[in-house]
Amino acid sequence: MKYFIYFLMLSAVGLMIFSGTLVNPDDLVGDKKSFTGILGILVCLCIIILLFILQLSRKLKQKYEE
């Protein structure tokens, strides 16, 4: 499970980089691709934060059981 969480984090970082290529710095909100890229980056950040919280809770559970 630990490696699966790392794989998901790495995939989210990859998707964040891909979404960053869609962003047009000249027109952030008006362009549909740029808006989609910004939303993709925000979603990937949320996923990374949630996976980090899951990883921390698993470590705390393991320490609590010992």
PDB file of N, CA and C in Angstrom:
ATOM      1  N   MET A   1       0.828  -1.187   0.000  1.00  0.00           N
ATOM      2  CA  MET A   1       0.000   0.000   0.000  1.00  0.00           C
ATOM      3  C   MET A   1       0.877   1.258   0.000  1.00  0.00           C
ATOM      4  N   LYS A   2       2.025   1.170   0.681  1.00  0.00           N
ATOM      5  CA  LYS A   2       2.911   2.321   0.769  1.00  0.00           C
ATOM      6  C   LYS A   2       3.423   2.710  -0.617  1.00  0.00           C
ATOM      7  N   TYR A   3       3.805   1.727  -1.406  1.00  0.00           N
ATOM      8  CA  TYR A   3       4.319   2.013  -2.741  1.00  0.00           C
ATOM      9  C   TYR A   3       3.214   2.499  -3.675  1.00  0.00           C
ATOM     10  N   PHE A   4       1.998   2.029  -3.449  1.00  0.00           N
ATOM     11  CA  PHE A   4       0.862   2.496  -4.249  1.00  0.00           C
ATOM     12  C   PHE A   4       0.589   3.973  -3.981  1.00  0.00           C
ATOM     13  N   ILE A   5       0.707   4.391  -2.727  1.00  0.00           N
ATOM     14  CA  ILE A   5       0.521   5.802  -2.381  1.00  0.00           C
ATOM     15  C   ILE A   5       1.608   6.648  -3.036  1.00  0.00           C
ATOM     16  N   TYR A   6       2.852   6.152  -3.003  1.00  0.00           N
ATOM     17  CA  TYR A   6       3.944   6.876  -3.663  1.00  0.00           C
ATOM     18  C   TYR A   6       3.709   6.961  -5.172  1.00  0.00           C
ATOM     19  N   PHE A   7       3.214   5.870  -5.765  1.00  0.00           N
ATOM     20  CA  PHE A   7       2.917   5.867  -7.189  1.00  0.00           C
ATOM     21  C   PHE A   7       1.830   6.892  -7.518  1.00  0.00           C
ATOM     22  N   LEU A   8       0.805   6.965  -6.690  1.00  0.00           N
ATOM     23  CA  LEU A   8      -0.259   7.943  -6.924  1.00  0.00           C
ATOM     24  C   LEU A   8       0.247   9.376  -6.772  1.00  0.00           C
ATOM     25  N   MET A   9       1.137   9.603  -5.802  1.00  0.00           N
ATOM     26  CA  MET A   9       1.722  10.931  -5.643  1.00  0.00           C
ATOM     27  C   MET A   9       2.555  11.305  -6.863  1.00  0.00           C
ATOM     28  N   LEU A  10       3.348  10.363  -7.341  1.00  0.00           N
ATOM     29  CA  LEU A  10       4.174  10.619  -8.517  1.00  0.00           C
ATOM     30  C   LEU A  10       3.307  10.870  -9.753  1.00  0.00           C
ATOM     31  N   SER A  11       2.221  10.124  -9.876  1.00  0.00           N
ATOM     32  CA  SER A  11       1.294  10.336 -10.994  1.00  0.00           C
ATOM     33  C   SER A  11       0.636  11.713 -10.907  1.00  0.00           C
ATOM     34  N   ALA A  12       0.289  12.135  -9.705  1.00  0.00           N
ATOM     35  CA  ALA A  12      -0.323  13.455  -9.531  1.00  0.00           C
ATOM     36  C   ALA A  12       0.670  14.558  -9.888  1.00  0.00           C
ATOM     37  N   VAL A  13       1.943  14.375  -9.538  1.00  0.00           N
ATOM     38  CA  VAL A  13       2.957  15.360  -9.908  1.00  0.00           C
ATOM     39  C   VAL A  13       3.110  15.408 -11.430  1.00  0.00           C
ATOM     40  N   GLY A  14       3.108  14.248 -12.064  1.00  0.00           N
ATOM     41  CA  GLY A  14       3.183  14.199 -13.525  1.00  0.00           C
ATOM     42  C   GLY A  14       2.004  14.889 -14.194  1.00  0.00           C
ATOM     43  N   LEU A  15       0.811  14.646 -13.673  1.00  0.00           N
ATOM     44  CA  LEU A  15      -0.367  15.309 -14.231  1.00  0.00           C
ATOM     45  C   LEU A  15      -0.344  16.812 -13.972  1.00  0.00           C
ATOM     46  N   MET A  16       0.245  17.213 -12.841  1.00  0.00           N
ATOM     47  CA  MET A  16       0.356  18.633 -12.550  1.00  0.00           C
ATOM     48  C   MET A  16       1.308  19.303 -13.554  1.00  0.00           C
ATOM     49  N   ILE A  17       2.390  18.631 -13.876  1.00  0.00           N
ATOM     50  CA  ILE A  17       3.324  19.175 -14.866  1.00  0.00           C
ATOM     51  C   ILE A  17       2.652  19.256 -16.238  1.00  0.00           C
ATOM     52  N   PHE A  18       1.895  18.213 -16.594  1.00  0.00           N
ATOM     53  CA  PHE A  18       1.170  18.245 -17.866  1.00  0.00           C
ATOM     54  C   PHE A  18       0.144  19.375 -17.898  1.00  0.00           C
ATOM     55  N   SER A  19      -0.572  19.568 -16.804  1.00  0.00           N
ATOM     56  CA  SER A  19      -1.556  20.647 -16.739  1.00  0.00           C
ATOM     57  C   SER A  19      -0.877  22.013 -16.793  1.00  0.00           C
ATOM     58  N   GLY A  20       0.334  22.082 -16.268  1.00  0.00           N
ATOM     59  CA  GLY A  20       1.077  23.334 -16.332  1.00  0.00           C
ATOM     60  C   GLY A  20       1.442  23.722 -17.752  1.00  0.00           C
ATOM     61  N   THR A  21       1.586  22.718 -18.629  1.00  0.00           N
ATOM     62  CA  THR A  21       1.894  23.033 -20.024  1.00  0.00           C
ATOM     63  C   THR A  21       0.683  23.600 -20.754  1.00  0.00           C
ATOM     64  N   LEU A  22      -0.516  23.372 -20.237  1.00  0.00           N
ATOM     65  CA  LEU A  22      -1.723  23.893 -20.874  1.00  0.00           C
ATOM     66  C   LEU A  22      -1.994  25.352 -20.531  1.00  0.00           C
ATOM     67  N   VAL A  23      -1.358  25.842 -19.480  1.00  0.00           N
ATOM     68  CA  VAL A  23      -1.637  27.197 -19.000  1.00  0.00           C
ATOM     69  C   VAL A  23      -0.982  28.226 -19.920  1.00  0.00           C
ATOM     70  N   ASN A  24      -1.780  29.198 -20.334  1.00  0.00           N
ATOM     71  CA  ASN A  24      -1.297  30.323 -21.120  1.00  0.00           C
ATOM     72  C   ASN A  24      -1.170  31.516 -20.178  1.00  0.00           C
ATOM     73  N   PRO A  25       0.048  31.984 -19.882  1.00  0.00           N
ATOM     74  CA  PRO A  25       0.207  33.061 -18.900  1.00  0.00           C
ATOM     75  C   PRO A  25      -0.384  34.395 -19.343  1.00  0.00           C
ATOM     76  N   ASP A  26      -0.616  34.572 -20.637  1.00  0.00           N
ATOM     77  CA  ASP A  26      -1.180  35.830 -21.128  1.00  0.00           C
ATOM     78  C   ASP A  26      -2.677  35.940 -20.835  1.00  0.00           C
ATOM     79  N   ASP A  27      -3.390  34.813 -20.928  1.00  0.00           N
ATOM     80  CA  ASP A  27      -4.841  34.830 -20.722  1.00  0.00           C
ATOM     81  C   ASP A  27      -5.218  33.643 -19.837  1.00  0.00           C
ATOM     82  N   LEU A  28      -5.152  33.843 -18.510  1.00  0.00           N
ATOM     83  CA  LEU A  28      -5.349  32.723 -17.582  1.00  0.00           C
ATOM     84  C   LEU A  28      -6.787  32.238 -17.526  1.00  0.00           C
ATOM     85  N   VAL A  29      -7.754  33.152 -17.455  1.00  0.00           N
ATOM     86  CA  VAL A  29      -9.138  32.748 -17.233  1.00  0.00           C
ATOM     87  C   VAL A  29      -9.943  32.700 -18.527  1.00  0.00           C
ATOM     88  N   GLY A  30      -9.597  33.496 -19.505  1.00  0.00           N
ATOM     89  CA  GLY A  30     -10.387  33.565 -20.728  1.00  0.00           C
ATOM     90  C   GLY A  30     -10.233  32.360 -21.628  1.00  0.00           C
ATOM     91  N   ASP A  31      -9.054  31.824 -21.713  1.00  0.00           N
ATOM     92  CA  ASP A  31      -8.783  30.677 -22.580  1.00  0.00           C
ATOM     93  C   ASP A  31      -9.251  29.396 -21.896  1.00  0.00           C
ATOM     94  N   LYS A  32      -9.990  28.537 -22.637  1.00  0.00           N
ATOM     95  CA  LYS A  32     -10.511  27.310 -22.033  1.00  0.00           C
ATOM     96  C   LYS A  32      -9.400  26.338 -21.651  1.00  0.00           C
ATOM     97  N   LYS A  33      -8.368  26.208 -22.489  1.00  0.00           N
ATOM     98  CA  LYS A  33      -7.270  25.296 -22.160  1.00  0.00           C
ATOM     99  C   LYS A  33      -6.525  25.778 -20.920  1.00  0.00           C
ATOM    100  N   SER A  34      -6.351  27.076 -20.820  1.00  0.00           N
ATOM    101  CA  SER A  34      -5.642  27.633 -19.679  1.00  0.00           C
ATOM    102  C   SER A  34      -6.437  27.414 -18.392  1.00  0.00           C
ATOM    103  N   PHE A  35      -7.735  27.624 -18.466  1.00  0.00           N
ATOM    104  CA  PHE A  35      -8.598  27.409 -17.303  1.00  0.00           C
ATOM    105  C   PHE A  35      -8.592  25.940 -16.893  1.00  0.00           C
ATOM    106  N   THR A  36      -8.621  25.042 -17.885  1.00  0.00           N
ATOM    107  CA  THR A  36      -8.560  23.608 -17.606  1.00  0.00           C
ATOM    108  C   THR A  36      -7.219  23.251 -16.956  1.00  0.00           C
ATOM    109  N   GLY A  37      -6.152  23.871 -17.424  1.00  0.00           N
ATOM    110  CA  GLY A  37      -4.842  23.621 -16.832  1.00  0.00           C
ATOM    111  C   GLY A  37      -4.763  24.064 -15.385  1.00  0.00           C
ATOM    112  N   ILE A  38      -5.335  25.231 -15.098  1.00  0.00           N
ATOM    113  CA  ILE A  38      -5.335  25.731 -13.714  1.00  0.00           C
ATOM    114  C   ILE A  38      -6.156  24.805 -12.816  1.00  0.00           C
ATOM    115  N   LEU A  39      -7.317  24.368 -13.307  1.00  0.00           N
ATOM    116  CA  LEU A  39      -8.130  23.437 -12.515  1.00  0.00           C
ATOM    117  C   LEU A  39      -7.398  22.114 -12.304  1.00  0.00           C
ATOM    118  N   GLY A  40      -6.707  21.645 -13.331  1.00  0.00           N
ATOM    119  CA  GLY A  40      -5.940  20.407 -13.199  1.00  0.00           C
ATOM    120  C   GLY A  40      -4.847  20.521 -12.153  1.00  0.00           C
ATOM    121  N   ILE A  41      -4.172  21.670 -12.132  1.00  0.00           N
ATOM    122  CA  ILE A  41      -3.122  21.885 -11.131  1.00  0.00           C
ATOM    123  C   ILE A  41      -3.714  21.901  -9.730  1.00  0.00           C
ATOM    124  N   LEU A  42      -4.841  22.574  -9.551  1.00  0.00           N
ATOM    125  CA  LEU A  42      -5.477  22.634  -8.233  1.00  0.00           C
ATOM    126  C   LEU A  42      -5.943  21.257  -7.765  1.00  0.00           C
ATOM    127  N   VAL A  43      -6.508  20.482  -8.681  1.00  0.00           N
ATOM    128  CA  VAL A  43      -6.963  19.128  -8.328  1.00  0.00           C
ATOM    129  C   VAL A  43      -5.772  18.253  -7.932  1.00  0.00           C
ATOM    130  N   CYS A  44      -4.680  18.351  -8.670  1.00  0.00           N
ATOM    131  CA  CYS A  44      -3.485  17.559  -8.344  1.00  0.00           C
ATOM    132  C   CYS A  44      -2.914  17.960  -6.987  1.00  0.00           C
ATOM    133  N   LEU A  45      -2.931  19.246  -6.678  1.00  0.00           N
ATOM    134  CA  LEU A  45      -2.462  19.685  -5.361  1.00  0.00           C
ATOM    135  C   LEU A  45      -3.336  19.108  -4.248  1.00  0.00           C
ATOM    136  N   CYS A  46      -4.651  19.111  -4.463  1.00  0.00           N
ATOM    137  CA  CYS A  46      -5.559  18.528  -3.465  1.00  0.00           C
ATOM    138  C   CYS A  46      -5.300  17.032  -3.288  1.00  0.00           C
ATOM    139  N   ILE A  47      -5.071  16.332  -4.390  1.00  0.00           N
ATOM    140  CA  ILE A  47      -4.798  14.898  -4.316  1.00  0.00           C
ATOM    141  C   ILE A  47      -3.504  14.633  -3.556  1.00  0.00           C
ATOM    142  N   ILE A  48      -2.475  15.421  -3.826  1.00  0.00           N
ATOM    143  CA  ILE A  48      -1.197  15.227  -3.137  1.00  0.00           C
ATOM    144  C   ILE A  48      -1.354  15.480  -1.646  1.00  0.00           C
ATOM    145  N   ILE A  49      -2.098  16.513  -1.269  1.00  0.00           N
ATOM    146  CA  ILE A  49      -2.321  16.817   0.146  1.00  0.00           C
ATOM    147  C   ILE A  49      -3.087  15.684   0.826  1.00  0.00           C
ATOM    148  N   LEU A  50      -4.126  15.177   0.166  1.00  0.00           N
ATOM    149  CA  LEU A  50      -4.903  14.089   0.756  1.00  0.00           C
ATOM    150  C   LEU A  50      -4.075  12.811   0.892  1.00  0.00           C
ATOM    151  N   LEU A  51      -3.249  12.512  -0.093  1.00  0.00           N
ATOM    152  CA  LEU A  51      -2.397  11.329   0.003  1.00  0.00           C
ATOM    153  C   LEU A  51      -1.344  11.489   1.087  1.00  0.00           C
ATOM    154  N   PHE A  52      -0.834  12.704   1.265  1.00  0.00           N
ATOM    155  CA  PHE A  52       0.123  12.949   2.336  1.00  0.00           C
ATOM    156  C   PHE A  52      -0.539  12.761   3.700  1.00  0.00           C
ATOM    157  N   ILE A  53      -1.772  13.225   3.851  1.00  0.00           N
ATOM    158  CA  ILE A  53      -2.514  13.029   5.097  1.00  0.00           C
ATOM    159  C   ILE A  53      -2.763  11.536   5.336  1.00  0.00           C
ATOM    160  N   LEU A  54      -3.096  10.799   4.277  1.00  0.00           N
ATOM    161  CA  LEU A  54      -3.298   9.350   4.410  1.00  0.00           C
ATOM    162  C   LEU A  54      -2.023   8.656   4.858  1.00  0.00           C
ATOM    163  N   GLN A  55      -0.903   9.065   4.292  1.00  0.00           N
ATOM    164  CA  GLN A  55       0.371   8.471   4.664  1.00  0.00           C
ATOM    165  C   GLN A  55       0.713   8.771   6.125  1.00  0.00           C
ATOM    166  N   LEU A  56       0.487  10.008   6.564  1.00  0.00           N
ATOM    167  CA  LEU A  56       0.754  10.352   7.959  1.00  0.00           C
ATOM    168  C   LEU A  56      -0.158   9.593   8.920  1.00  0.00           C
ATOM    169  N   SER A  57      -1.412   9.433   8.555  1.00  0.00           N
ATOM    170  CA  SER A  57      -2.336   8.723   9.440  1.00  0.00           C
ATOM    171  C   SER A  57      -1.961   7.244   9.543  1.00  0.00           C
ATOM    172  N   ARG A  58      -1.461   6.667   8.446  1.00  0.00           N
ATOM    173  CA  ARG A  58      -1.018   5.267   8.508  1.00  0.00           C
ATOM    174  C   ARG A  58       0.202   5.123   9.410  1.00  0.00           C
ATOM    175  N   LYS A  59       1.118   6.095   9.363  1.00  0.00           N
ATOM    176  CA  LYS A  59       2.294   6.059  10.251  1.00  0.00           C
ATOM    177  C   LYS A  59       1.891   6.212  11.702  1.00  0.00           C
ATOM    178  N   LEU A  60       0.942   7.115  11.975  1.00  0.00           N
ATOM    179  CA  LEU A  60       0.466   7.294  13.353  1.00  0.00           C
ATOM    180  C   LEU A  60      -0.244   6.050  13.856  1.00  0.00           C
ATOM    181  N   LYS A  61      -1.015   5.407  12.998  1.00  0.00           N
ATOM    182  CA  LYS A  61      -1.695   4.187  13.402  1.00  0.00           C
ATOM    183  C   LYS A  61      -0.689   3.090  13.732  1.00  0.00           C
ATOM    184  N   GLN A  62       0.376   3.001  12.941  1.00  0.00           N
ATOM    185  CA  GLN A  62       1.398   2.005  13.185  1.00  0.00           C
ATOM    186  C   GLN A  62       2.118   2.269  14.509  1.00  0.00           C
ATOM    187  N   LYS A  63       2.404   3.521  14.809  1.00  0.00           N
ATOM    188  CA  LYS A  63       3.053   3.854  16.091  1.00  0.00           C
ATOM    189  C   LYS A  63       2.122   3.616  17.274  1.00  0.00           C
ATOM    190  N   TYR A  64       0.836   3.873  17.078  1.00  0.00           N
ATOM    191  CA  TYR A  64      -0.148   3.688  18.151  1.00  0.00           C
ATOM    192  C   TYR A  64      -0.311   2.212  18.490  1.00  0.00           C
ATOM    193  N   GLU A  65      -0.245   1.352  17.488  1.00  0.00           N
ATOM    194  CA  GLU A  65      -0.439  -0.082  17.707  1.00  0.00           C
ATOM    195  C   GLU A  65       0.756  -0.719  18.406  1.00  0.00           C
ATOM    196  N   GLU A  66       1.917  -0.103  18.327  1.00  0.00           N
ATOM    197  CA  GLU A  66       3.111  -0.684  18.960  1.00  0.00           C
ATOM    198  C   GLU A  66       3.154  -0.444  20.438  1.00  0.00           C
TER     199      GLU A  66
END
